[in-house]
Amino acid sequence: MDLREMKTKRSLFNAFLHLRTKKPLERISVKELCELAEISKATFYLHYRDIYDLSKNLQLNVIKDILSYLSSPGKLLEEPVTANNEILSGFYANSNIVNILFGDSQFSKLPECINNEIKNTIFREHPELKDDIHTNVSITYQIMGGFYVYHEYNRQFGHQNVSSEINKLLERLKDQ
């Protein structure tokens, strides 16, 4: 990517994030975004199909960054407590941008994207696990369940307490 393209994308990303703090994704227009980013609509369409494509691109970048804290996707199966703590570290490191990109109607996409990315990585390394019900259910249960439990109780009980309870559940599940 050349310098001009990097500047254009950075300008688009910054303008998009600014607009997302003000309004839901569905109410952002390409015209409004391009005016704020000081680029033409034609330039926007060279890089993205629409606002949703841009949003998805940014979301996937954040998901990849969150998952970079996970030392090995296989840990979800082997060491679920360690994996949970690593994912939470990635989530906290990206919490500001997560709150912007996955707010409103995009909320449920965060655990879905994390779940899909982890499964894709594990199944690339271990294709024999793709059709294994235990592996699929275990990963989805940990990611989706952990996410919604954390979201539901974090404010009421605090990060440490909720994380500790999730880890206790994961330990019990691992022992079964």
N, C-alpha and C. Protein backbone atom coordinates (compact mmCIF):
# COMPACT_ATOMS: atom_id res chain seq x y z
N MET A 1 0.85 -1.17 0.00
CA MET A 1 0.00 0.00 0.00
C MET A 1 0.90 1.24 0.00
N ASP A 2 0.65 2.15 -0.92
CA ASP A 2 1.48 3.35 -0.98
C ASP A 2 1.02 4.39 0.05
N LEU A 3 1.82 5.40 0.24
CA LEU A 3 1.58 6.41 1.25
C LEU A 3 0.24 7.12 1.06
N ARG A 4 -0.09 7.44 -0.18
CA ARG A 4 -1.34 8.14 -0.47
C ARG A 4 -2.55 7.28 -0.08
N GLU A 5 -2.48 6.00 -0.40
CA GLU A 5 -3.57 5.09 -0.05
C GLU A 5 -3.68 4.95 1.47
N MET A 6 -2.55 4.88 2.15
CA MET A 6 -2.56 4.79 3.62
C MET A 6 -3.20 6.03 4.24
N LYS A 7 -2.87 7.20 3.71
CA LYS A 7 -3.45 8.44 4.22
C LYS A 7 -4.96 8.49 3.97
N THR A 8 -5.37 8.05 2.80
CA THR A 8 -6.80 8.02 2.47
C THR A 8 -7.55 7.10 3.43
N LYS A 9 -7.03 5.91 3.63
CA LYS A 9 -7.70 4.95 4.52
C LYS A 9 -7.71 5.47 5.96
N ARG A 10 -6.61 6.04 6.41
CA ARG A 10 -6.56 6.59 7.77
C ARG A 10 -7.60 7.71 7.92
N SER A 11 -7.71 8.56 6.92
CA SER A 11 -8.69 9.64 6.95
C SER A 11 -10.11 9.08 6.99
N LEU A 12 -10.36 8.05 6.18
CA LEU A 12 -11.68 7.40 6.19
C LEU A 12 -11.97 6.76 7.54
N PHE A 13 -11.02 6.04 8.09
CA PHE A 13 -11.21 5.36 9.37
C PHE A 13 -11.51 6.37 10.47
N ASN A 14 -10.72 7.44 10.51
CA ASN A 14 -10.92 8.45 11.55
C ASN A 14 -12.29 9.13 11.41
N ALA A 15 -12.65 9.47 10.18
CA ALA A 15 -13.96 10.09 9.95
C ALA A 15 -15.09 9.12 10.32
N PHE A 16 -14.92 7.87 9.95
CA PHE A 16 -15.94 6.86 10.25
C PHE A 16 -16.10 6.70 11.76
N LEU A 17 -14.99 6.58 12.48
CA LEU A 17 -15.06 6.42 13.93
C LEU A 17 -15.71 7.64 14.58
N HIS A 18 -15.38 8.82 14.07
CA HIS A 18 -16.00 10.03 14.60
C HIS A 18 -17.51 9.99 14.41
N LEU A 19 -17.95 9.62 13.22
CA LEU A 19 -19.39 9.56 12.94
C LEU A 19 -20.07 8.46 13.76
N ARG A 20 -19.38 7.34 13.93
CA ARG A 20 -19.97 6.23 14.71
C ARG A 20 -20.18 6.60 16.17
N THR A 21 -19.38 7.51 16.70
CA THR A 21 -19.59 7.94 18.08
C THR A 21 -20.84 8.80 18.19
N LYS A 22 -21.27 9.35 17.06
CA LYS A 22 -22.41 10.26 17.06
C LYS A 22 -23.73 9.60 16.65
N LYS A 23 -23.64 8.54 15.84
CA LYS A 23 -24.88 7.96 15.31
C LYS A 23 -24.72 6.49 14.96
N PRO A 24 -25.83 5.79 14.83
CA PRO A 24 -25.75 4.37 14.44
C PRO A 24 -25.25 4.21 13.01
N LEU A 25 -24.70 3.05 12.75
CA LEU A 25 -24.15 2.73 11.43
C LEU A 25 -25.15 3.00 10.31
N GLU A 26 -26.38 2.61 10.53
CA GLU A 26 -27.41 2.72 9.50
C GLU A 26 -27.71 4.17 9.10
N ARG A 27 -27.30 5.12 9.91
CA ARG A 27 -27.60 6.53 9.61
C ARG A 27 -26.41 7.29 9.05
N ILE A 28 -25.30 6.58 8.79
CA ILE A 28 -24.12 7.23 8.21
C ILE A 28 -24.18 7.08 6.70
N SER A 29 -24.06 8.18 6.00
CA SER A 29 -24.08 8.12 4.53
C SER A 29 -22.65 8.23 3.99
N VAL A 30 -22.46 7.68 2.81
CA VAL A 30 -21.15 7.76 2.15
C VAL A 30 -20.81 9.22 1.89
N LYS A 31 -21.80 9.99 1.49
CA LYS A 31 -21.58 11.41 1.21
C LYS A 31 -21.06 12.14 2.45
N GLU A 32 -21.71 11.93 3.57
CA GLU A 32 -21.32 12.56 4.82
C GLU A 32 -19.91 12.12 5.24
N LEU A 33 -19.64 10.85 5.12
CA LEU A 33 -18.33 10.31 5.47
C LEU A 33 -17.24 10.92 4.60
N CYS A 34 -17.48 10.96 3.31
CA CYS A 34 -16.47 11.50 2.38
C CYS A 34 -16.21 12.98 2.61
N GLU A 35 -17.25 13.73 2.93
CA GLU A 35 -17.05 15.15 3.23
C GLU A 35 -16.17 15.33 4.45
N LEU A 36 -16.44 14.53 5.49
CA LEU A 36 -15.65 14.63 6.71
C LEU A 36 -14.21 14.17 6.49
N ALA A 37 -14.03 13.12 5.69
CA ALA A 37 -12.69 12.58 5.40
C ALA A 37 -11.96 13.40 4.35
N GLU A 38 -12.67 14.30 3.70
CA GLU A 38 -12.12 15.15 2.64
C GLU A 38 -11.59 14.32 1.47
N ILE A 39 -12.43 13.38 1.05
CA ILE A 39 -12.13 12.58 -0.15
C ILE A 39 -13.38 12.54 -1.03
N SER A 40 -13.21 12.12 -2.25
CA SER A 40 -14.36 12.03 -3.14
C SER A 40 -15.08 10.69 -2.93
N LYS A 41 -16.34 10.65 -3.34
CA LYS A 41 -17.09 9.40 -3.26
C LYS A 41 -16.44 8.34 -4.15
N ALA A 42 -15.90 8.77 -5.27
CA ALA A 42 -15.24 7.82 -6.18
C ALA A 42 -14.05 7.15 -5.49
N THR A 43 -13.32 7.93 -4.71
CA THR A 43 -12.18 7.36 -3.97
C THR A 43 -12.68 6.35 -2.94
N PHE A 44 -13.76 6.70 -2.26
CA PHE A 44 -14.34 5.77 -1.28
C PHE A 44 -14.67 4.44 -1.97
N TYR A 45 -15.35 4.52 -3.11
CA TYR A 45 -15.79 3.31 -3.80
C TYR A 45 -14.65 2.52 -4.45
N LEU A 46 -13.48 3.12 -4.55
CA LEU A 46 -12.30 2.36 -4.98
C LEU A 46 -11.88 1.34 -3.91
N HIS A 47 -12.20 1.65 -2.66
CA HIS A 47 -11.75 0.83 -1.54
C HIS A 47 -12.86 -0.02 -0.90
N TYR A 48 -14.10 0.47 -0.93
CA TYR A 48 -15.19 -0.21 -0.23
C TYR A 48 -16.47 -0.20 -1.07
N ARG A 49 -17.28 -1.23 -0.87
CA ARG A 49 -18.56 -1.30 -1.59
C ARG A 49 -19.58 -0.32 -1.02
N ASP A 50 -19.58 -0.21 0.32
CA ASP A 50 -20.54 0.66 1.01
C ASP A 50 -20.07 0.87 2.44
N ILE A 51 -20.87 1.57 3.22
CA ILE A 51 -20.54 1.84 4.62
C ILE A 51 -20.39 0.54 5.41
N TYR A 52 -21.23 -0.43 5.10
CA TYR A 52 -21.18 -1.71 5.83
C TYR A 52 -19.88 -2.47 5.55
N ASP A 53 -19.40 -2.36 4.34
CA ASP A 53 -18.13 -2.99 3.98
C ASP A 53 -16.98 -2.36 4.76
N LEU A 54 -16.98 -1.05 4.86
CA LEU A 54 -15.96 -0.34 5.64
C LEU A 54 -16.05 -0.75 7.11
N SER A 55 -17.26 -0.77 7.64
CA SER A 55 -17.45 -1.14 9.04
C SER A 55 -16.97 -2.57 9.30
N LYS A 56 -17.33 -3.48 8.41
CA LYS A 56 -16.91 -4.88 8.57
C LYS A 56 -15.38 -4.99 8.53
N ASN A 57 -14.75 -4.23 7.63
CA ASN A 57 -13.29 -4.24 7.53
C ASN A 57 -12.65 -3.78 8.83
N LEU A 58 -13.16 -2.69 9.40
CA LEU A 58 -12.64 -2.19 10.66
C LEU A 58 -12.90 -3.18 11.80
N GLN A 59 -14.09 -3.77 11.80
CA GLN A 59 -14.41 -4.75 12.84
C GLN A 59 -13.47 -5.95 12.78
N LEU A 60 -13.21 -6.44 11.58
CA LEU A 60 -12.31 -7.59 11.46
C LEU A 60 -10.89 -7.25 11.91
N ASN A 61 -10.45 -6.04 11.64
CA ASN A 61 -9.13 -5.61 12.12
C ASN A 61 -9.07 -5.61 13.64
N VAL A 62 -10.13 -5.15 14.28
CA VAL A 62 -10.17 -5.13 15.74
C VAL A 62 -10.23 -6.55 16.29
N ILE A 63 -11.01 -7.42 15.66
CA ILE A 63 -11.10 -8.82 16.08
C ILE A 63 -9.72 -9.47 15.99
N LYS A 64 -9.03 -9.23 14.90
CA LYS A 64 -7.68 -9.80 14.75
C LYS A 64 -6.75 -9.29 15.84
N ASP A 65 -6.89 -8.01 16.19
CA ASP A 65 -6.05 -7.48 17.25
C ASP A 65 -6.40 -8.10 18.59
N ILE A 66 -7.68 -8.26 18.89
CA ILE A 66 -8.10 -8.92 20.13
C ILE A 66 -7.53 -10.33 20.18
N LEU A 67 -7.65 -11.04 19.08
CA LEU A 67 -7.20 -12.43 19.06
C LEU A 67 -5.68 -12.56 19.03
N SER A 68 -4.97 -11.49 18.72
CA SER A 68 -3.50 -11.55 18.77
C SER A 68 -3.02 -11.73 20.21
N TYR A 69 -3.88 -11.45 21.18
CA TYR A 69 -3.53 -11.66 22.58
C TYR A 69 -3.63 -13.14 22.96
N LEU A 70 -4.32 -13.91 22.15
CA LEU A 70 -4.47 -15.34 22.39
C LEU A 70 -3.24 -16.04 21.84
N SER A 71 -2.43 -16.59 22.73
CA SER A 71 -1.16 -17.17 22.30
C SER A 71 -1.34 -18.34 21.34
N SER A 72 -2.45 -19.06 21.49
CA SER A 72 -2.75 -20.17 20.58
C SER A 72 -4.25 -20.43 20.63
N PRO A 73 -4.94 -20.41 19.47
CA PRO A 73 -6.38 -20.68 19.47
C PRO A 73 -6.72 -22.05 20.09
N GLY A 74 -5.80 -22.99 19.97
CA GLY A 74 -6.03 -24.31 20.56
C GLY A 74 -6.16 -24.28 22.07
N LYS A 75 -5.72 -23.20 22.69
CA LYS A 75 -5.84 -23.07 24.14
C LYS A 75 -7.29 -23.10 24.59
N LEU A 76 -8.19 -22.67 23.71
CA LEU A 76 -9.61 -22.72 24.08
C LEU A 76 -10.03 -24.14 24.44
N LEU A 77 -9.41 -25.10 23.79
CA LEU A 77 -9.74 -26.50 24.05
C LEU A 77 -8.87 -27.10 25.14
N GLU A 78 -7.62 -26.68 25.19
CA GLU A 78 -6.65 -27.27 26.12
C GLU A 78 -6.58 -26.54 27.45
N GLU A 79 -6.58 -25.22 27.42
CA GLU A 79 -6.45 -24.40 28.63
C GLU A 79 -7.47 -23.25 28.57
N PRO A 80 -8.76 -23.57 28.75
CA PRO A 80 -9.79 -22.56 28.55
C PRO A 80 -9.67 -21.34 29.47
N VAL A 81 -9.19 -21.53 30.68
CA VAL A 81 -9.06 -20.39 31.60
C VAL A 81 -7.99 -19.43 31.09
N THR A 82 -6.86 -19.96 30.68
CA THR A 82 -5.80 -19.12 30.13
C THR A 82 -6.30 -18.40 28.88
N ALA A 83 -6.98 -19.14 28.01
CA ALA A 83 -7.51 -18.54 26.78
C ALA A 83 -8.50 -17.43 27.09
N ASN A 84 -9.38 -17.66 28.05
CA ASN A 84 -10.35 -16.65 28.45
C ASN A 84 -9.65 -15.38 28.93
N ASN A 85 -8.63 -15.55 29.76
CA ASN A 85 -7.90 -14.38 30.27
C ASN A 85 -7.17 -13.63 29.17
N GLU A 86 -6.62 -14.37 28.22
CA GLU A 86 -5.92 -13.71 27.10
C GLU A 86 -6.89 -12.95 26.21
N ILE A 87 -8.04 -13.55 25.93
CA ILE A 87 -9.04 -12.86 25.10
C ILE A 87 -9.55 -11.61 25.82
N LEU A 88 -9.80 -11.72 27.12
CA LEU A 88 -10.24 -10.55 27.88
C LEU A 88 -9.19 -9.44 27.86
N SER A 89 -7.91 -9.81 27.91
CA SER A 89 -6.84 -8.81 27.82
C SER A 89 -6.90 -8.08 26.48
N GLY A 90 -7.10 -8.83 25.42
CA GLY A 90 -7.23 -8.23 24.09
C GLY A 90 -8.45 -7.34 23.99
N PHE A 91 -9.52 -7.80 24.60
CA PHE A 91 -10.76 -7.02 24.59
C PHE A 91 -10.56 -5.70 25.32
N TYR A 92 -9.92 -5.75 26.50
CA TYR A 92 -9.69 -4.52 27.25
C TYR A 92 -8.75 -3.57 26.54
N ALA A 93 -7.74 -4.10 25.90
CA ALA A 93 -6.80 -3.25 25.16
C ALA A 93 -7.49 -2.52 24.02
N ASN A 94 -8.59 -3.09 23.52
CA ASN A 94 -9.32 -2.50 22.39
C ASN A 94 -10.70 -2.00 22.77
N SER A 95 -10.98 -1.85 24.06
CA SER A 95 -12.35 -1.58 24.50
C SER A 95 -12.94 -0.29 23.93
N ASN A 96 -12.13 0.74 23.78
CA ASN A 96 -12.69 2.00 23.25
C ASN A 96 -13.20 1.83 21.83
N ILE A 97 -12.38 1.24 20.98
CA ILE A 97 -12.79 1.07 19.58
C ILE A 97 -13.88 -0.01 19.46
N VAL A 98 -13.84 -1.01 20.33
CA VAL A 98 -14.89 -2.04 20.33
C VAL A 98 -16.23 -1.38 20.63
N ASN A 99 -16.27 -0.50 21.63
CA ASN A 99 -17.51 0.17 21.98
C ASN A 99 -18.06 1.02 20.84
N ILE A 100 -17.17 1.59 20.06
CA ILE A 100 -17.61 2.41 18.92
C ILE A 100 -18.10 1.52 17.78
N LEU A 101 -17.28 0.55 17.37
CA LEU A 101 -17.60 -0.26 16.19
C LEU A 101 -18.70 -1.28 16.41
N PHE A 102 -18.85 -1.75 17.65
CA PHE A 102 -19.83 -2.80 17.91
C PHE A 102 -20.98 -2.29 18.77
N GLY A 103 -21.23 -1.00 18.73
CA GLY A 103 -22.37 -0.45 19.45
C GLY A 103 -23.64 -0.63 18.63
N ASP A 104 -24.74 -0.32 19.26
CA ASP A 104 -26.05 -0.34 18.59
C ASP A 104 -26.35 -1.70 17.95
N SER A 105 -26.73 -1.67 16.69
CA SER A 105 -27.14 -2.88 15.97
C SER A 105 -25.99 -3.84 15.71
N GLN A 106 -24.76 -3.41 15.95
CA GLN A 106 -23.59 -4.23 15.67
C GLN A 106 -23.14 -5.06 16.88
N PHE A 107 -23.81 -4.90 18.01
CA PHE A 107 -23.40 -5.53 19.27
C PHE A 107 -23.19 -7.03 19.16
N SER A 108 -24.14 -7.74 18.58
CA SER A 108 -24.05 -9.21 18.53
C SER A 108 -22.98 -9.71 17.55
N LYS A 109 -22.48 -8.83 16.71
CA LYS A 109 -21.45 -9.24 15.75
C LYS A 109 -20.10 -9.52 16.41
N LEU A 110 -19.84 -8.90 17.54
CA LEU A 110 -18.54 -9.08 18.20
C LEU A 110 -18.30 -10.53 18.59
N PRO A 111 -19.17 -11.15 19.39
CA PRO A 111 -18.89 -12.56 19.73
C PRO A 111 -18.98 -13.48 18.51
N GLU A 112 -19.87 -13.17 17.58
CA GLU A 112 -19.98 -14.00 16.36
C GLU A 112 -18.67 -13.97 15.57
N CYS A 113 -18.11 -12.78 15.41
CA CYS A 113 -16.86 -12.64 14.65
C CYS A 113 -15.70 -13.32 15.37
N ILE A 114 -15.62 -13.15 16.68
CA ILE A 114 -14.54 -13.80 17.44
C ILE A 114 -14.68 -15.31 17.33
N ASN A 115 -15.89 -15.81 17.50
CA ASN A 115 -16.16 -17.24 17.40
C ASN A 115 -15.75 -17.78 16.03
N ASN A 116 -16.16 -17.09 14.98
CA ASN A 116 -15.84 -17.53 13.62
C ASN A 116 -14.34 -17.49 13.33
N GLU A 117 -13.68 -16.42 13.76
CA GLU A 117 -12.24 -16.30 13.52
C GLU A 117 -11.46 -17.39 14.25
N ILE A 118 -11.83 -17.66 15.49
CA ILE A 118 -11.14 -18.71 16.25
C ILE A 118 -11.36 -20.07 15.60
N LYS A 119 -12.61 -20.35 15.25
CA LYS A 119 -12.90 -21.64 14.61
C LYS A 119 -12.14 -21.78 13.29
N ASN A 120 -12.15 -20.74 12.48
CA ASN A 120 -11.42 -20.80 11.21
C ASN A 120 -9.95 -21.11 11.42
N THR A 121 -9.34 -20.47 12.41
CA THR A 121 -7.93 -20.70 12.70
C THR A 121 -7.68 -22.12 13.17
N ILE A 122 -8.50 -22.58 14.10
CA ILE A 122 -8.33 -23.94 14.62
C ILE A 122 -8.55 -24.97 13.51
N PHE A 123 -9.57 -24.76 12.70
CA PHE A 123 -9.90 -25.75 11.66
C PHE A 123 -8.89 -25.74 10.51
N ARG A 124 -8.21 -24.61 10.30
CA ARG A 124 -7.12 -24.60 9.32
C ARG A 124 -5.98 -25.49 9.80
N GLU A 125 -5.69 -25.40 11.09
CA GLU A 125 -4.61 -26.20 11.67
C GLU A 125 -5.02 -27.65 11.90
N HIS A 126 -6.31 -27.86 12.20
CA HIS A 126 -6.82 -29.21 12.51
C HIS A 126 -8.14 -29.44 11.77
N PRO A 127 -8.07 -29.68 10.45
CA PRO A 127 -9.30 -29.84 9.67
C PRO A 127 -10.17 -31.00 10.16
N GLU A 128 -9.57 -31.97 10.82
CA GLU A 128 -10.34 -33.11 11.32
C GLU A 128 -11.33 -32.71 12.42
N LEU A 129 -11.14 -31.54 13.02
CA LEU A 129 -12.03 -31.09 14.10
C LEU A 129 -13.25 -30.32 13.59
N LYS A 130 -13.25 -29.97 12.31
CA LYS A 130 -14.33 -29.14 11.77
C LYS A 130 -15.72 -29.75 11.97
N ASP A 131 -15.83 -31.04 11.84
CA ASP A 131 -17.13 -31.70 11.99
C ASP A 131 -17.31 -32.36 13.35
N ASP A 132 -16.44 -32.02 14.30
CA ASP A 132 -16.52 -32.59 15.64
C ASP A 132 -17.46 -31.73 16.49
N ILE A 133 -18.55 -32.32 16.93
CA ILE A 133 -19.56 -31.56 17.68
C ILE A 133 -19.01 -31.03 19.00
N HIS A 134 -18.21 -31.81 19.70
CA HIS A 134 -17.66 -31.37 20.98
C HIS A 134 -16.81 -30.10 20.79
N THR A 135 -15.94 -30.10 19.80
CA THR A 135 -15.08 -28.94 19.53
C THR A 135 -15.92 -27.70 19.20
N ASN A 136 -16.87 -27.87 18.28
CA ASN A 136 -17.70 -26.74 17.87
C ASN A 136 -18.52 -26.17 19.02
N VAL A 137 -19.18 -27.03 19.76
CA VAL A 137 -20.01 -26.57 20.87
C VAL A 137 -19.15 -25.95 21.97
N SER A 138 -18.03 -26.55 22.27
CA SER A 138 -17.14 -26.05 23.31
C SER A 138 -16.65 -24.64 22.99
N ILE A 139 -16.18 -24.43 21.77
CA ILE A 139 -15.69 -23.10 21.39
C ILE A 139 -16.81 -22.07 21.43
N THR A 140 -17.93 -22.39 20.82
CA THR A 140 -19.05 -21.45 20.78
C THR A 140 -19.57 -21.15 22.18
N TYR A 141 -19.66 -22.16 23.01
CA TYR A 141 -20.13 -21.98 24.39
C TYR A 141 -19.21 -21.04 25.15
N GLN A 142 -17.91 -21.24 25.02
CA GLN A 142 -16.95 -20.40 25.73
C GLN A 142 -17.00 -18.95 25.24
N ILE A 143 -17.01 -18.78 23.94
CA ILE A 143 -16.97 -17.42 23.39
C ILE A 143 -18.30 -16.70 23.58
N MET A 144 -19.37 -17.30 23.09
CA MET A 144 -20.68 -16.63 23.15
C MET A 144 -21.17 -16.53 24.60
N GLY A 145 -21.08 -17.63 25.34
CA GLY A 145 -21.53 -17.61 26.73
C GLY A 145 -20.73 -16.64 27.57
N GLY A 146 -19.40 -16.71 27.43
CA GLY A 146 -18.54 -15.81 28.19
C GLY A 146 -18.81 -14.35 27.86
N PHE A 147 -19.01 -14.06 26.60
CA PHE A 147 -19.27 -12.69 26.19
C PHE A 147 -20.56 -12.16 26.81
N TYR A 148 -21.63 -12.91 26.68
CA TYR A 148 -22.92 -12.41 27.18
C TYR A 148 -22.97 -12.37 28.70
N VAL A 149 -22.35 -13.34 29.36
CA VAL A 149 -22.28 -13.30 30.83
C VAL A 149 -21.48 -12.07 31.27
N TYR A 150 -20.35 -11.86 30.64
CA TYR A 150 -19.51 -10.72 30.98
C TYR A 150 -20.27 -9.41 30.76
N HIS A 151 -20.90 -9.30 29.61
CA HIS A 151 -21.65 -8.07 29.29
C HIS A 151 -22.78 -7.83 30.29
N GLU A 152 -23.46 -8.88 30.65
CA GLU A 152 -24.62 -8.77 31.56
C GLU A 152 -24.22 -8.35 32.98
N TYR A 153 -23.11 -8.87 33.49
CA TYR A 153 -22.79 -8.70 34.91
C TYR A 153 -21.58 -7.83 35.23
N ASN A 154 -20.85 -7.38 34.22
CA ASN A 154 -19.63 -6.60 34.47
C ASN A 154 -19.90 -5.35 35.30
N ARG A 155 -20.88 -4.58 34.94
CA ARG A 155 -21.16 -3.34 35.67
C ARG A 155 -21.62 -3.61 37.10
N GLN A 156 -22.42 -4.65 37.26
CA GLN A 156 -22.98 -4.96 38.58
C GLN A 156 -21.94 -5.52 39.54
N PHE A 157 -21.10 -6.46 39.06
CA PHE A 157 -20.18 -7.15 39.95
C PHE A 157 -18.71 -6.81 39.73
N GLY A 158 -18.39 -6.15 38.64
CA GLY A 158 -17.00 -5.77 38.37
C GLY A 158 -16.25 -6.82 37.55
N HIS A 159 -15.26 -6.32 36.84
CA HIS A 159 -14.47 -7.14 35.92
C HIS A 159 -13.86 -8.36 36.60
N GLN A 160 -13.17 -8.15 37.70
CA GLN A 160 -12.45 -9.26 38.36
C GLN A 160 -13.40 -10.35 38.82
N ASN A 161 -14.51 -9.96 39.44
CA ASN A 161 -15.46 -10.95 39.95
C ASN A 161 -16.10 -11.77 38.83
N VAL A 162 -16.50 -11.09 37.77
CA VAL A 162 -17.13 -11.80 36.66
C VAL A 162 -16.12 -12.71 35.97
N SER A 163 -14.92 -12.20 35.73
CA SER A 163 -13.88 -13.02 35.10
C SER A 163 -13.58 -14.25 35.95
N SER A 164 -13.51 -14.06 37.25
CA SER A 164 -13.23 -15.17 38.16
C SER A 164 -14.34 -16.23 38.09
N GLU A 165 -15.59 -15.80 38.04
CA GLU A 165 -16.71 -16.75 37.95
C GLU A 165 -16.70 -17.50 36.62
N ILE A 166 -16.41 -16.79 35.54
CA ILE A 166 -16.32 -17.45 34.24
C ILE A 166 -15.20 -18.49 34.27
N ASN A 167 -14.07 -18.12 34.85
CA ASN A 167 -12.94 -19.05 34.93
C ASN A 167 -13.28 -20.29 35.77
N LYS A 168 -14.03 -20.09 36.86
CA LYS A 168 -14.46 -21.23 37.67
C LYS A 168 -15.34 -22.19 36.86
N LEU A 169 -16.25 -21.61 36.09
CA LEU A 169 -17.11 -22.44 35.23
C LEU A 169 -16.29 -23.18 34.19
N LEU A 170 -15.32 -22.51 33.59
CA LEU A 170 -14.48 -23.14 32.60
C LEU A 170 -13.66 -24.29 33.19
N GLU A 171 -13.18 -24.08 34.42
CA GLU A 171 -12.43 -25.16 35.10
C GLU A 171 -13.32 -26.37 35.33
N ARG A 172 -14.55 -26.13 35.77
CA ARG A 172 -15.47 -27.24 36.00
C ARG A 172 -15.79 -27.99 34.71
N LEU A 173 -15.98 -27.23 33.64
CA LEU A 173 -16.28 -27.86 32.35
C LEU A 173 -15.09 -28.68 31.86
N LYS A 174 -13.89 -28.16 32.09
CA LYS A 174 -12.68 -28.85 31.66
C LYS A 174 -12.52 -30.18 32.39
N ASP A 175 -12.91 -30.20 33.67
CA ASP A 175 -12.76 -31.40 34.48
C ASP A 175 -13.80 -32.47 34.16
N GLN A 176 -14.82 -32.13 33.43
CA GLN A 176 -15.87 -33.12 33.12
C GLN A 176 -15.52 -33.96 31.92
